[in-house]
Amino acid sequence: MDPADPHNLHDTADHEVLETIDIATEGNDCDECVRRLREPLLRVAGVKEVNADPEAERVWVTFDARKTHAPELHDAILRSGYRPARMVD
């Protein structure tokens, strides 16, 4: 085990490492869209929670960083028929 790796520290070896990311999603602008986007994300190993704001076309995903990573989340979004978009604030 590499002590420099923040996900493999001895005292947290058996604990989840939860992260939340904010992803802009093009076309996610209605309640049905949220449902079609949310379900594939929740099937990704390690995903704990998915919250979406259809008006802002954004989704927040909380996941265990030991079980999945952002590229898998982006792939799930693509499989749902939507695509990650550039954030504009």
N, C-alpha and C. Protein backbone atom coordinates (compact mmCIF):
# COMPACT_ATOMS: atom_id res chain seq x y z
N MET A 1 0.85 -1.18 0.00
CA MET A 1 0.00 0.00 0.00
C MET A 1 0.90 1.24 0.00
N ASP A 2 0.62 2.17 -0.90
CA ASP A 2 1.41 3.39 -1.03
C ASP A 2 0.88 4.45 -0.06
N PRO A 3 1.65 4.83 0.96
CA PRO A 3 1.17 5.82 1.93
C PRO A 3 0.97 7.20 1.32
N ALA A 4 1.53 7.45 0.15
CA ALA A 4 1.35 8.74 -0.50
C ALA A 4 0.00 8.84 -1.22
N ASP A 5 -0.64 7.71 -1.45
CA ASP A 5 -1.93 7.70 -2.13
C ASP A 5 -3.03 8.04 -1.11
N PRO A 6 -3.75 9.17 -1.28
CA PRO A 6 -4.76 9.58 -0.29
C PRO A 6 -5.93 8.61 -0.19
N HIS A 7 -6.11 7.73 -1.17
CA HIS A 7 -7.21 6.78 -1.13
C HIS A 7 -6.80 5.46 -0.47
N ASN A 8 -5.55 5.31 -0.09
CA ASN A 8 -5.08 4.06 0.49
C ASN A 8 -4.37 4.26 1.83
N LEU A 9 -4.73 5.28 2.56
CA LEU A 9 -4.11 5.48 3.87
C LEU A 9 -4.57 4.38 4.83
N HIS A 10 -3.66 3.96 5.68
CA HIS A 10 -3.91 2.83 6.58
C HIS A 10 -5.20 3.00 7.40
N ASP A 11 -5.40 4.17 7.99
CA ASP A 11 -6.55 4.35 8.87
C ASP A 11 -7.87 4.49 8.12
N THR A 12 -7.86 4.62 6.80
CA THR A 12 -9.10 4.72 6.03
C THR A 12 -9.26 3.57 5.05
N ALA A 13 -8.49 2.51 5.21
CA ALA A 13 -8.47 1.42 4.24
C ALA A 13 -9.84 0.78 4.03
N ASP A 14 -10.68 0.75 5.06
CA ASP A 14 -11.99 0.11 4.93
C ASP A 14 -13.13 1.09 4.74
N HIS A 15 -12.84 2.36 4.54
CA HIS A 15 -13.88 3.38 4.42
C HIS A 15 -14.02 3.88 3.00
N GLU A 16 -15.24 4.30 2.68
CA GLU A 16 -15.48 4.90 1.37
C GLU A 16 -14.76 6.24 1.27
N VAL A 17 -14.39 6.59 0.08
CA VAL A 17 -13.82 7.92 -0.19
C VAL A 17 -14.83 8.60 -1.11
N LEU A 18 -15.73 9.38 -0.48
CA LEU A 18 -16.81 9.99 -1.24
C LEU A 18 -16.38 11.32 -1.85
N GLU A 19 -16.73 11.48 -3.11
CA GLU A 19 -16.50 12.72 -3.83
C GLU A 19 -17.80 13.12 -4.51
N THR A 20 -18.00 14.41 -4.68
CA THR A 20 -19.15 14.91 -5.43
C THR A 20 -18.63 15.78 -6.55
N ILE A 21 -19.12 15.51 -7.77
CA ILE A 21 -18.74 16.36 -8.89
C ILE A 21 -19.99 16.95 -9.52
N ASP A 22 -19.82 18.09 -10.11
CA ASP A 22 -20.87 18.86 -10.77
C ASP A 22 -20.62 18.75 -12.27
N ILE A 23 -21.59 18.21 -13.01
CA ILE A 23 -21.42 18.01 -14.44
C ILE A 23 -22.54 18.74 -15.18
N ALA A 24 -22.19 19.59 -16.12
CA ALA A 24 -23.19 20.22 -16.99
C ALA A 24 -23.61 19.18 -18.02
N THR A 25 -24.91 19.14 -18.32
CA THR A 25 -25.42 18.15 -19.27
C THR A 25 -26.33 18.84 -20.29
N GLU A 26 -26.00 18.74 -21.55
CA GLU A 26 -26.82 19.34 -22.60
C GLU A 26 -28.11 18.56 -22.78
N GLY A 27 -29.23 19.27 -22.85
CA GLY A 27 -30.51 18.64 -23.13
C GLY A 27 -31.23 18.09 -21.92
N ASN A 28 -30.63 18.16 -20.75
CA ASN A 28 -31.23 17.66 -19.51
C ASN A 28 -32.09 18.79 -18.94
N ASP A 29 -33.27 19.03 -19.56
CA ASP A 29 -34.04 20.21 -19.18
C ASP A 29 -35.50 19.94 -18.80
N CYS A 30 -35.81 18.67 -18.47
CA CYS A 30 -37.18 18.36 -18.02
C CYS A 30 -37.11 17.20 -17.02
N ASP A 31 -38.23 16.96 -16.33
CA ASP A 31 -38.25 15.89 -15.32
C ASP A 31 -37.99 14.52 -15.93
N GLU A 32 -38.54 14.26 -17.12
CA GLU A 32 -38.30 12.98 -17.79
C GLU A 32 -36.82 12.83 -18.14
N CYS A 33 -36.20 13.93 -18.54
CA CYS A 33 -34.77 13.91 -18.87
C CYS A 33 -33.96 13.54 -17.63
N VAL A 34 -34.34 14.12 -16.50
CA VAL A 34 -33.63 13.83 -15.25
C VAL A 34 -33.73 12.35 -14.93
N ARG A 35 -34.92 11.75 -15.09
CA ARG A 35 -35.09 10.32 -14.81
C ARG A 35 -34.22 9.49 -15.74
N ARG A 36 -34.21 9.82 -17.04
CA ARG A 36 -33.42 9.04 -18.00
C ARG A 36 -31.92 9.19 -17.76
N LEU A 37 -31.51 10.30 -17.20
CA LEU A 37 -30.10 10.53 -16.90
C LEU A 37 -29.71 9.91 -15.57
N ARG A 38 -30.58 10.02 -14.60
CA ARG A 38 -30.29 9.57 -13.24
C ARG A 38 -30.12 8.05 -13.14
N GLU A 39 -31.01 7.29 -13.79
CA GLU A 39 -30.98 5.84 -13.66
C GLU A 39 -29.66 5.21 -14.12
N PRO A 40 -29.11 5.57 -15.29
CA PRO A 40 -27.83 4.97 -15.68
C PRO A 40 -26.69 5.36 -14.74
N LEU A 41 -26.74 6.57 -14.21
CA LEU A 41 -25.69 6.99 -13.28
C LEU A 41 -25.75 6.18 -12.00
N LEU A 42 -26.94 5.91 -11.50
CA LEU A 42 -27.07 5.13 -10.27
C LEU A 42 -26.65 3.68 -10.45
N ARG A 43 -26.60 3.19 -11.68
CA ARG A 43 -26.15 1.83 -11.92
C ARG A 43 -24.62 1.71 -11.96
N VAL A 44 -23.92 2.82 -11.99
CA VAL A 44 -22.45 2.78 -11.99
C VAL A 44 -21.99 2.38 -10.59
N ALA A 45 -21.09 1.41 -10.52
CA ALA A 45 -20.57 0.95 -9.23
C ALA A 45 -20.00 2.11 -8.44
N GLY A 46 -20.40 2.24 -7.19
CA GLY A 46 -19.86 3.26 -6.32
C GLY A 46 -20.66 4.54 -6.28
N VAL A 47 -21.61 4.74 -7.19
CA VAL A 47 -22.42 5.96 -7.17
C VAL A 47 -23.41 5.86 -6.02
N LYS A 48 -23.42 6.88 -5.18
CA LYS A 48 -24.26 6.89 -3.99
C LYS A 48 -25.49 7.77 -4.16
N GLU A 49 -25.34 8.88 -4.88
CA GLU A 49 -26.44 9.84 -4.99
C GLU A 49 -26.32 10.63 -6.28
N VAL A 50 -27.46 10.92 -6.90
CA VAL A 50 -27.49 11.74 -8.11
C VAL A 50 -28.58 12.78 -7.93
N ASN A 51 -28.21 14.04 -8.03
CA ASN A 51 -29.17 15.14 -7.97
C ASN A 51 -29.04 15.94 -9.24
N ALA A 52 -30.17 16.35 -9.79
CA ALA A 52 -30.15 17.09 -11.04
C ALA A 52 -30.99 18.35 -10.93
N ASP A 53 -30.60 19.36 -11.67
CA ASP A 53 -31.34 20.61 -11.78
C ASP A 53 -31.62 20.81 -13.27
N PRO A 54 -32.85 20.48 -13.73
CA PRO A 54 -33.13 20.58 -15.15
C PRO A 54 -33.07 22.01 -15.68
N GLU A 55 -33.40 23.00 -14.86
CA GLU A 55 -33.32 24.39 -15.33
C GLU A 55 -31.89 24.80 -15.63
N ALA A 56 -30.96 24.35 -14.80
CA ALA A 56 -29.55 24.69 -14.99
C ALA A 56 -28.83 23.69 -15.89
N GLU A 57 -29.53 22.59 -16.24
CA GLU A 57 -28.94 21.51 -17.03
C GLU A 57 -27.63 21.03 -16.40
N ARG A 58 -27.72 20.71 -15.09
CA ARG A 58 -26.57 20.22 -14.33
C ARG A 58 -26.96 19.03 -13.50
N VAL A 59 -25.98 18.20 -13.24
CA VAL A 59 -26.17 17.03 -12.38
C VAL A 59 -25.00 16.96 -11.40
N TRP A 60 -25.33 16.61 -10.14
CA TRP A 60 -24.32 16.43 -9.10
C TRP A 60 -24.30 14.96 -8.74
N VAL A 61 -23.14 14.36 -8.81
CA VAL A 61 -23.01 12.92 -8.56
C VAL A 61 -22.06 12.72 -7.38
N THR A 62 -22.53 12.00 -6.36
CA THR A 62 -21.69 11.63 -5.23
C THR A 62 -21.35 10.16 -5.40
N PHE A 63 -20.05 9.85 -5.33
CA PHE A 63 -19.58 8.49 -5.61
C PHE A 63 -18.37 8.15 -4.76
N ASP A 64 -18.14 6.84 -4.63
CA ASP A 64 -16.97 6.33 -3.92
C ASP A 64 -15.81 6.31 -4.92
N ALA A 65 -14.82 7.15 -4.69
CA ALA A 65 -13.70 7.29 -5.62
C ALA A 65 -12.85 6.02 -5.70
N ARG A 66 -13.06 5.08 -4.80
CA ARG A 66 -12.33 3.81 -4.88
C ARG A 66 -12.99 2.85 -5.84
N LYS A 67 -14.26 3.12 -6.20
CA LYS A 67 -14.99 2.20 -7.05
C LYS A 67 -15.23 2.73 -8.46
N THR A 68 -15.23 4.02 -8.63
CA THR A 68 -15.45 4.59 -9.96
C THR A 68 -14.75 5.94 -10.07
N HIS A 69 -14.69 6.45 -11.30
CA HIS A 69 -14.01 7.72 -11.57
C HIS A 69 -14.85 8.52 -12.55
N ALA A 70 -14.52 9.78 -12.71
CA ALA A 70 -15.28 10.68 -13.57
C ALA A 70 -15.48 10.15 -15.00
N PRO A 71 -14.48 9.52 -15.63
CA PRO A 71 -14.72 9.02 -16.99
C PRO A 71 -15.87 8.00 -17.07
N GLU A 72 -16.03 7.16 -16.05
CA GLU A 72 -17.13 6.21 -16.05
C GLU A 72 -18.48 6.93 -15.93
N LEU A 73 -18.50 8.02 -15.16
CA LEU A 73 -19.73 8.81 -15.02
C LEU A 73 -20.07 9.48 -16.35
N HIS A 74 -19.06 10.01 -17.01
CA HIS A 74 -19.29 10.64 -18.32
C HIS A 74 -19.78 9.62 -19.33
N ASP A 75 -19.23 8.40 -19.30
CA ASP A 75 -19.69 7.33 -20.20
C ASP A 75 -21.16 7.00 -19.94
N ALA A 76 -21.56 6.96 -18.67
CA ALA A 76 -22.96 6.66 -18.33
C ALA A 76 -23.87 7.77 -18.85
N ILE A 77 -23.42 9.00 -18.78
CA ILE A 77 -24.21 10.11 -19.31
C ILE A 77 -24.37 9.95 -20.82
N LEU A 78 -23.31 9.60 -21.50
CA LEU A 78 -23.38 9.40 -22.95
C LEU A 78 -24.34 8.24 -23.29
N ARG A 79 -24.28 7.15 -22.52
CA ARG A 79 -25.17 6.01 -22.77
C ARG A 79 -26.63 6.37 -22.54
N SER A 80 -26.90 7.37 -21.70
CA SER A 80 -28.29 7.77 -21.43
C SER A 80 -28.86 8.62 -22.56
N GLY A 81 -28.01 9.00 -23.52
CA GLY A 81 -28.48 9.82 -24.63
C GLY A 81 -28.16 11.29 -24.48
N TYR A 82 -27.54 11.65 -23.38
CA TYR A 82 -27.15 13.03 -23.13
C TYR A 82 -25.64 13.13 -23.25
N ARG A 83 -25.12 14.32 -23.11
CA ARG A 83 -23.67 14.43 -23.12
C ARG A 83 -23.21 15.51 -22.16
N PRO A 84 -22.06 15.28 -21.55
CA PRO A 84 -21.49 16.32 -20.69
C PRO A 84 -21.25 17.56 -21.54
N ALA A 85 -21.45 18.71 -20.92
CA ALA A 85 -21.31 19.98 -21.64
C ALA A 85 -20.32 20.87 -20.92
N ARG A 86 -19.92 21.92 -21.60
CA ARG A 86 -19.04 22.91 -20.97
C ARG A 86 -19.84 23.70 -19.95
N MET A 87 -19.23 24.01 -18.82
CA MET A 87 -19.88 24.81 -17.79
C MET A 87 -19.75 26.28 -18.16
N VAL A 88 -20.87 26.98 -18.03
CA VAL A 88 -20.86 28.42 -18.26
C VAL A 88 -21.47 29.06 -17.06
N ASP A 89 -20.71 29.89 -16.38
CA ASP A 89 -21.21 30.60 -15.18
C ASP A 89 -21.23 32.08 -15.42
